[in-house]
Amino acid sequence: MTAPESGAVVPGPEVRLPTAFGDFAARVWADARTGAEHLSISALGAGAAADPDAVPLVRLHSECLTGDVFASYRCDCGEQLEQALGLISLHGGTVLYLRGHEGRGIGLANKLRAYALQDEGADTVEANEQLGLPVDARDYQAAAEILLEMGLARIRLLTNNPAKRDRLEAFGVTVDAMVPSEVPVRAENERYLQTKRDRMNHHLNLLRANPVQQG
């Protein structure tokens, strides 16, 4: 991989974003290559001042309409986003919300087609393969460039997915540590999480240790 292309992401104005998790500074970043508009959400107030010498905490969050907006239990995305906003409000850092990453990059319509195949017995990897689609089509070049533009060349990455770490480092962002981003396992997403662990190398210790919650 090559270094991020200078000027390929264009920042908008920074605005205050008050939320249930605290106050954040929000900024849109337009990706000139794809047309996607990504959003950085950084802690303000007490969170911004916490641990000033610590390596910044960053969550790369892939857009998930079903999980983030409709609180679907088929995945863990919405709960991971809430967890990240709470942690970053408390400890400082940034959530980078990545548009165009729906369904690990295959889009909303294909994600629902994959859901239909999963309802027939396929796991998430098999469903994408049966559709002739990549298992994970996400591109992190824009994410790396945004972080570098923000001065976040060295971070602690809030993730269970070592592929995110590897792809960021290939584009020049140093990941000092992976900070776990696990949420409780549910009956509805247990197989989804097992597939992440067993076929995509995600670090998911709660899946082994905790009983599955119902509903």
C-alpha atoms as a PDB file:
ATOM      1  CA  MET A   1       0.000   0.000   0.000  1.00  0.00           C
ATOM      2  CA  THR A   2       1.066   3.556  -0.628  1.00  0.00           C
ATOM      3  CA  ALA A   3       0.971   6.517   1.717  1.00  0.00           C
ATOM      4  CA  PRO A   4      -2.354   8.395   1.867  1.00  0.00           C
ATOM      5  CA  GLU A   5      -2.827  10.870  -0.955  1.00  0.00           C
ATOM      6  CA  SER A   6      -2.483  14.456   0.271  1.00  0.00           C
ATOM      7  CA  GLY A   7      -5.669  16.478  -0.140  1.00  0.00           C
ATOM      8  CA  ALA A   8      -7.859  13.484  -0.917  1.00  0.00           C
ATOM      9  CA  VAL A   9     -10.002  14.155   2.177  1.00  0.00           C
ATOM     10  CA  VAL A  10     -11.360  17.659   2.624  1.00  0.00           C
ATOM     11  CA  PRO A  11     -12.398  18.841   6.113  1.00  0.00           C
ATOM     12  CA  GLY A  12     -15.499  20.885   6.815  1.00  0.00           C
ATOM     13  CA  PRO A  13     -16.027  23.272   9.749  1.00  0.00           C
ATOM     14  CA  GLU A  14     -15.839  21.953  13.297  1.00  0.00           C
ATOM     15  CA  VAL A  15     -19.056  22.286  15.302  1.00  0.00           C
ATOM     16  CA  ARG A  16     -20.130  21.437  18.851  1.00  0.00           C
ATOM     17  CA  LEU A  17     -22.281  18.312  19.076  1.00  0.00           C
ATOM     18  CA  PRO A  18     -24.067  17.839  22.421  1.00  0.00           C
ATOM     19  CA  THR A  19     -25.186  14.224  22.953  1.00  0.00           C
ATOM     20  CA  ALA A  20     -26.479  11.890  25.633  1.00  0.00           C
ATOM     21  CA  PHE A  21     -22.842  10.797  26.105  1.00  0.00           C
ATOM     22  CA  GLY A  22     -21.413  14.314  26.511  1.00  0.00           C
ATOM     23  CA  ASP A  23     -20.227  17.158  24.302  1.00  0.00           C
ATOM     24  CA  PHE A  24     -18.163  16.459  21.205  1.00  0.00           C
ATOM     25  CA  ALA A  25     -16.527  18.395  18.400  1.00  0.00           C
ATOM     26  CA  ALA A  26     -17.877  17.082  15.092  1.00  0.00           C
ATOM     27  CA  ARG A  27     -16.362  17.568  11.629  1.00  0.00           C
ATOM     28  CA  VAL A  28     -17.258  16.131   8.224  1.00  0.00           C
ATOM     29  CA  TRP A  29     -14.473  14.912   5.950  1.00  0.00           C
ATOM     30  CA  ALA A  30     -15.310  14.557   2.256  1.00  0.00           C
ATOM     31  CA  ASP A  31     -13.407  11.837   0.407  1.00  0.00           C
ATOM     32  CA  ALA A  32     -12.636  13.158  -3.084  1.00  0.00           C
ATOM     33  CA  ARG A  33     -11.945   9.627  -4.331  1.00  0.00           C
ATOM     34  CA  THR A  34     -15.280   8.043  -3.421  1.00  0.00           C
ATOM     35  CA  GLY A  35     -17.620  10.920  -2.583  1.00  0.00           C
ATOM     36  CA  ALA A  36     -18.203   9.468   0.904  1.00  0.00           C
ATOM     37  CA  GLU A  37     -18.643  11.904   3.788  1.00  0.00           C
ATOM     38  CA  HIS A  38     -17.037  10.633   6.999  1.00  0.00           C
ATOM     39  CA  LEU A  39     -17.503  12.161  10.457  1.00  0.00           C
ATOM     40  CA  SER A  40     -14.968  12.687  13.241  1.00  0.00           C
ATOM     41  CA  ILE A  41     -16.416  13.093  16.748  1.00  0.00           C
ATOM     42  CA  SER A  42     -13.865  14.161  19.364  1.00  0.00           C
ATOM     43  CA  ALA A  43     -14.336  14.627  23.095  1.00  0.00           C
ATOM     44  CA  LEU A  44     -14.786  18.103  24.552  1.00  0.00           C
ATOM     45  CA  GLY A  45     -14.857  19.247  28.165  1.00  0.00           C
ATOM     46  CA  ALA A  46     -13.582  16.883  30.848  1.00  0.00           C
ATOM     47  CA  GLY A  47     -12.934  14.107  28.341  1.00  0.00           C
ATOM     48  CA  ALA A  48     -10.685  16.288  26.209  1.00  0.00           C
ATOM     49  CA  ALA A  49      -8.598  17.177  29.262  1.00  0.00           C
ATOM     50  CA  ALA A  50      -8.343  13.626  30.614  1.00  0.00           C
ATOM     51  CA  ASP A  51      -4.957  11.901  30.485  1.00  0.00           C
ATOM     52  CA  PRO A  52      -3.210  14.622  28.423  1.00  0.00           C
ATOM     53  CA  ASP A  53      -0.047  12.524  28.092  1.00  0.00           C
ATOM     54  CA  ALA A  54      -1.849   9.346  27.053  1.00  0.00           C
ATOM     55  CA  VAL A  55      -1.807   8.068  23.491  1.00  0.00           C
ATOM     56  CA  PRO A  56      -5.225   9.084  22.061  1.00  0.00           C
ATOM     57  CA  LEU A  57      -8.038   6.555  22.003  1.00  0.00           C
ATOM     58  CA  VAL A  58      -9.664   6.150  18.562  1.00  0.00           C
ATOM     59  CA  ARG A  59     -12.633   4.118  17.378  1.00  0.00           C
ATOM     60  CA  LEU A  60     -13.018   3.492  13.630  1.00  0.00           C
ATOM     61  CA  HIS A  61     -16.728   2.778  13.345  1.00  0.00           C
ATOM     62  CA  SER A  62     -18.096   1.418  10.094  1.00  0.00           C
ATOM     63  CA  GLU A  63     -21.532   2.735   9.168  1.00  0.00           C
ATOM     64  CA  CYS A  64     -24.308   0.270  10.073  1.00  0.00           C
ATOM     65  CA  LEU A  65     -27.816   1.621   9.526  1.00  0.00           C
ATOM     66  CA  THR A  66     -29.555  -1.407  11.014  1.00  0.00           C
ATOM     67  CA  GLY A  67     -27.421  -1.496  14.161  1.00  0.00           C
ATOM     68  CA  ASP A  68     -26.598   2.182  14.722  1.00  0.00           C
ATOM     69  CA  VAL A  69     -30.058   3.624  13.958  1.00  0.00           C
ATOM     70  CA  PHE A  70     -32.532   0.782  14.464  1.00  0.00           C
ATOM     71  CA  ALA A  71     -30.652  -0.999  17.289  1.00  0.00           C
ATOM     72  CA  SER A  72     -30.679  -4.357  15.495  1.00  0.00           C
ATOM     73  CA  TYR A  73     -29.461  -7.318  17.519  1.00  0.00           C
ATOM     74  CA  ARG A  74     -28.216  -9.163  14.411  1.00  0.00           C
ATOM     75  CA  CYS A  75     -24.836  -7.471  14.969  1.00  0.00           C
ATOM     76  CA  ASP A  76     -22.986  -5.695  17.780  1.00  0.00           C
ATOM     77  CA  CYS A  77     -22.444  -2.411  15.904  1.00  0.00           C
ATOM     78  CA  GLY A  78     -24.916  -0.102  17.639  1.00  0.00           C
ATOM     79  CA  GLU A  79     -23.818  -1.195  21.091  1.00  0.00           C
ATOM     80  CA  GLN A  80     -20.154  -0.823  20.126  1.00  0.00           C
ATOM     81  CA  LEU A  81     -20.818   2.740  18.951  1.00  0.00           C
ATOM     82  CA  GLU A  82     -22.527   3.633  22.215  1.00  0.00           C
ATOM     83  CA  GLN A  83     -19.689   2.053  24.184  1.00  0.00           C
ATOM     84  CA  ALA A  84     -17.105   4.021  22.180  1.00  0.00           C
ATOM     85  CA  LEU A  85     -18.892   7.354  22.660  1.00  0.00           C
ATOM     86  CA  GLY A  86     -19.099   6.725  26.406  1.00  0.00           C
ATOM     87  CA  LEU A  87     -15.433   5.770  26.733  1.00  0.00           C
ATOM     88  CA  ILE A  88     -14.188   8.654  24.616  1.00  0.00           C
ATOM     89  CA  SER A  89     -16.385  11.165  26.428  1.00  0.00           C
ATOM     90  CA  LEU A  90     -14.794   9.968  29.690  1.00  0.00           C
ATOM     91  CA  HIS A  91     -11.180   9.417  28.640  1.00  0.00           C
ATOM     92  CA  GLY A  92     -10.785  11.638  25.575  1.00  0.00           C
ATOM     93  CA  GLY A  93     -10.176  10.682  21.976  1.00  0.00           C
ATOM     94  CA  THR A  94     -12.083  10.414  18.715  1.00  0.00           C
ATOM     95  CA  VAL A  95     -14.727   8.278  17.042  1.00  0.00           C
ATOM     96  CA  LEU A  96     -14.278   8.259  13.273  1.00  0.00           C
ATOM     97  CA  TYR A  97     -17.596   7.276  11.696  1.00  0.00           C
ATOM     98  CA  LEU A  98     -16.898   5.816   8.268  1.00  0.00           C
ATOM     99  CA  ARG A  99     -19.605   6.139   5.621  1.00  0.00           C
ATOM    100  CA  GLY A 100     -19.713   3.743   2.685  1.00  0.00           C
ATOM    101  CA  HIS A 101     -18.784   0.837   4.964  1.00  0.00           C
ATOM    102  CA  GLU A 102     -22.308  -0.574   5.251  1.00  0.00           C
ATOM    103  CA  GLY A 103     -22.262  -4.376   5.412  1.00  0.00           C
ATOM    104  CA  ARG A 104     -18.434  -4.426   5.561  1.00  0.00           C
ATOM    105  CA  GLY A 105     -18.446  -2.407   2.355  1.00  0.00           C
ATOM    106  CA  ILE A 106     -21.016  -4.307   0.253  1.00  0.00           C
ATOM    107  CA  GLY A 107     -23.850  -1.793   0.750  1.00  0.00           C
ATOM    108  CA  LEU A 108     -27.243  -1.904   2.425  1.00  0.00           C
ATOM    109  CA  ALA A 109     -29.151  -3.836  -0.254  1.00  0.00           C
ATOM    110  CA  ASN A 110     -26.498  -6.539  -0.451  1.00  0.00           C
ATOM    111  CA  LYS A 111     -26.296  -6.687   3.333  1.00  0.00           C
ATOM    112  CA  LEU A 112     -30.008  -7.519   3.492  1.00  0.00           C
ATOM    113  CA  ARG A 113     -29.555 -10.087   0.725  1.00  0.00           C
ATOM    114  CA  ALA A 114     -26.805 -11.614   2.862  1.00  0.00           C
ATOM    115  CA  TYR A 115     -29.168 -11.573   5.867  1.00  0.00           C
ATOM    116  CA  ALA A 116     -31.672 -13.608   3.837  1.00  0.00           C
ATOM    117  CA  LEU A 117     -28.995 -16.222   3.142  1.00  0.00           C
ATOM    118  CA  GLN A 118     -28.032 -16.235   6.806  1.00  0.00           C
ATOM    119  CA  ASP A 119     -31.658 -16.945   7.683  1.00  0.00           C
ATOM    120  CA  GLU A 120     -31.339 -20.016   5.455  1.00  0.00           C
ATOM    121  CA  GLY A 121     -28.261 -21.245   7.348  1.00  0.00           C
ATOM    122  CA  ALA A 122     -25.200 -19.473   5.925  1.00  0.00           C
ATOM    123  CA  ASP A 123     -22.793 -17.647   8.212  1.00  0.00           C
ATOM    124  CA  THR A 124     -21.758 -14.074   7.378  1.00  0.00           C
ATOM    125  CA  VAL A 125     -18.686 -15.163   5.407  1.00  0.00           C
ATOM    126  CA  GLU A 126     -20.575 -17.814   3.446  1.00  0.00           C
ATOM    127  CA  ALA A 127     -23.443 -15.427   2.649  1.00  0.00           C
ATOM    128  CA  ASN A 128     -21.113 -12.895   1.033  1.00  0.00           C
ATOM    129  CA  GLU A 129     -19.332 -15.631  -0.894  1.00  0.00           C
ATOM    130  CA  GLN A 130     -22.636 -17.038  -2.179  1.00  0.00           C
ATOM    131  CA  LEU A 131     -23.491 -13.550  -3.472  1.00  0.00           C
ATOM    132  CA  GLY A 132     -20.118 -13.367  -5.242  1.00  0.00           C
ATOM    133  CA  LEU A 133     -19.050 -10.486  -2.979  1.00  0.00           C
ATOM    134  CA  PRO A 134     -15.918  -9.849  -0.885  1.00  0.00           C
ATOM    135  CA  VAL A 135     -16.041 -11.007   2.725  1.00  0.00           C
ATOM    136  CA  ASP A 136     -14.766  -7.550   3.732  1.00  0.00           C
ATOM    137  CA  ALA A 137     -14.599  -4.786   1.103  1.00  0.00           C
ATOM    138  CA  ARG A 138     -13.834  -1.887   3.447  1.00  0.00           C
ATOM    139  CA  ASP A 139     -11.079   0.577   2.557  1.00  0.00           C
ATOM    140  CA  TYR A 140      -9.236   2.375   5.366  1.00  0.00           C
ATOM    141  CA  GLN A 141      -7.118   4.763   3.294  1.00  0.00           C
ATOM    142  CA  ALA A 142      -9.435   7.714   3.952  1.00  0.00           C
ATOM    143  CA  ALA A 143      -9.557   6.840   7.661  1.00  0.00           C
ATOM    144  CA  ALA A 144      -5.760   6.894   7.870  1.00  0.00           C
ATOM    145  CA  GLU A 145      -5.524  10.198   6.040  1.00  0.00           C
ATOM    146  CA  ILE A 146      -8.143  11.801   8.290  1.00  0.00           C
ATOM    147  CA  LEU A 147      -6.300  10.650  11.409  1.00  0.00           C
ATOM    148  CA  LEU A 148      -3.001  12.011  10.082  1.00  0.00           C
ATOM    149  CA  GLU A 149      -4.646  15.326   9.184  1.00  0.00           C
ATOM    150  CA  MET A 150      -5.975  15.478  12.762  1.00  0.00           C
ATOM    151  CA  GLY A 151      -2.468  14.917  14.136  1.00  0.00           C
ATOM    152  CA  LEU A 152      -3.345  11.402  15.297  1.00  0.00           C
ATOM    153  CA  ALA A 153      -0.348   9.556  13.873  1.00  0.00           C
ATOM    154  CA  ARG A 154      -0.042   7.400  16.998  1.00  0.00           C
ATOM    155  CA  ILE A 155      -3.168   5.974  18.610  1.00  0.00           C
ATOM    156  CA  ARG A 156      -4.733   3.314  20.791  1.00  0.00           C
ATOM    157  CA  LEU A 157      -7.362   1.635  18.621  1.00  0.00           C
ATOM    158  CA  LEU A 158     -10.689   0.669  20.174  1.00  0.00           C
ATOM    159  CA  THR A 159     -11.372  -2.553  18.268  1.00  0.00           C
ATOM    160  CA  ASN A 160     -11.435  -6.335  18.388  1.00  0.00           C
ATOM    161  CA  ASN A 161     -10.360  -6.577  14.741  1.00  0.00           C
ATOM    162  CA  PRO A 162      -6.606  -6.850  14.054  1.00  0.00           C
ATOM    163  CA  ALA A 163      -7.210  -6.188  10.344  1.00  0.00           C
ATOM    164  CA  LYS A 164      -8.126  -2.582  11.185  1.00  0.00           C
ATOM    165  CA  ARG A 165      -4.834  -2.165  13.023  1.00  0.00           C
ATOM    166  CA  ASP A 166      -2.867  -3.699  10.162  1.00  0.00           C
ATOM    167  CA  ARG A 167      -4.517  -1.571   7.483  1.00  0.00           C
ATOM    168  CA  LEU A 168      -4.039   1.660   9.421  1.00  0.00           C
ATOM    169  CA  GLU A 169      -0.377   0.875  10.012  1.00  0.00           C
ATOM    170  CA  ALA A 170       0.081   0.147   6.286  1.00  0.00           C
ATOM    171  CA  PHE A 171      -1.021   3.745   5.662  1.00  0.00           C
ATOM    172  CA  GLY A 172       1.319   5.294   8.235  1.00  0.00           C
ATOM    173  CA  VAL A 173      -0.708   5.375  11.479  1.00  0.00           C
ATOM    174  CA  THR A 174       1.040   3.736  14.445  1.00  0.00           C
ATOM    175  CA  VAL A 175      -1.272   1.644  16.634  1.00  0.00           C
ATOM    176  CA  ASP A 176       0.276   1.348  20.089  1.00  0.00           C
ATOM    177  CA  ALA A 177      -2.427  -0.978  21.393  1.00  0.00           C
ATOM    178  CA  MET A 178      -5.745  -2.584  20.569  1.00  0.00           C
ATOM    179  CA  VAL A 179      -8.268  -1.714  23.288  1.00  0.00           C
ATOM    180  CA  PRO A 180     -11.101  -4.287  23.512  1.00  0.00           C
ATOM    181  CA  SER A 181     -14.492  -3.208  22.157  1.00  0.00           C
ATOM    182  CA  GLU A 182     -16.644  -6.106  23.325  1.00  0.00           C
ATOM    183  CA  VAL A 183     -20.320  -5.885  24.233  1.00  0.00           C
ATOM    184  CA  PRO A 184     -22.584  -8.589  25.702  1.00  0.00           C
ATOM    185  CA  VAL A 185     -23.386 -11.558  23.476  1.00  0.00           C
ATOM    186  CA  ARG A 186     -27.044 -12.004  22.519  1.00  0.00           C
ATOM    187  CA  ALA A 187     -28.903 -15.035  21.204  1.00  0.00           C
ATOM    188  CA  GLU A 188     -29.575 -13.102  17.991  1.00  0.00           C
ATOM    189  CA  ASN A 189     -25.905 -12.339  17.247  1.00  0.00           C
ATOM    190  CA  GLU A 190     -24.068 -15.277  18.815  1.00  0.00           C
ATOM    191  CA  ARG A 191     -23.338 -17.012  15.491  1.00  0.00           C
ATOM    192  CA  TYR A 192     -22.376 -13.683  13.912  1.00  0.00           C
ATOM    193  CA  LEU A 193     -19.804 -13.150  16.664  1.00  0.00           C
ATOM    194  CA  GLN A 194     -18.573 -16.739  16.466  1.00  0.00           C
ATOM    195  CA  THR A 195     -17.919 -16.216  12.755  1.00  0.00           C
ATOM    196  CA  LYS A 196     -16.011 -13.011  13.494  1.00  0.00           C
ATOM    197  CA  ARG A 197     -13.867 -14.899  16.003  1.00  0.00           C
ATOM    198  CA  ASP A 198     -13.351 -18.173  14.156  1.00  0.00           C
ATOM    199  CA  ARG A 199     -13.166 -17.022  10.523  1.00  0.00           C
ATOM    200  CA  MET A 200     -12.070 -13.366  10.714  1.00  0.00           C
ATOM    201  CA  ASN A 201      -9.624 -13.495  13.654  1.00  0.00           C
ATOM    202  CA  HIS A 202     -11.475 -11.021  15.886  1.00  0.00           C
ATOM    203  CA  HIS A 203     -10.474 -11.049  19.564  1.00  0.00           C
ATOM    204  CA  LEU A 204     -13.710 -11.951  21.359  1.00  0.00           C
ATOM    205  CA  ASN A 205     -13.167 -13.290  24.870  1.00  0.00           C
ATOM    206  CA  LEU A 206     -16.682 -12.550  26.171  1.00  0.00           C
ATOM    207  CA  LEU A 207     -18.083 -14.958  23.605  1.00  0.00           C
ATOM    208  CA  ARG A 208     -16.299 -17.780  25.417  1.00  0.00           C
ATOM    209  CA  ALA A 209     -16.883 -16.618  28.971  1.00  0.00           C
ATOM    210  CA  ASN A 210     -20.362 -15.077  29.247  1.00  0.00           C
ATOM    211  CA  PRO A 211     -23.749 -16.768  28.911  1.00  0.00           C
ATOM    212  CA  VAL A 212     -25.880 -15.587  26.021  1.00  0.00           C
ATOM    213  CA  GLN A 213     -28.510 -12.976  26.920  1.00  0.00           C
ATOM    214  CA  GLN A 214     -32.038 -13.398  25.656  1.00  0.00           C
ATOM    215  CA  GLY A 215     -33.910 -10.626  23.822  1.00  0.00           C
END
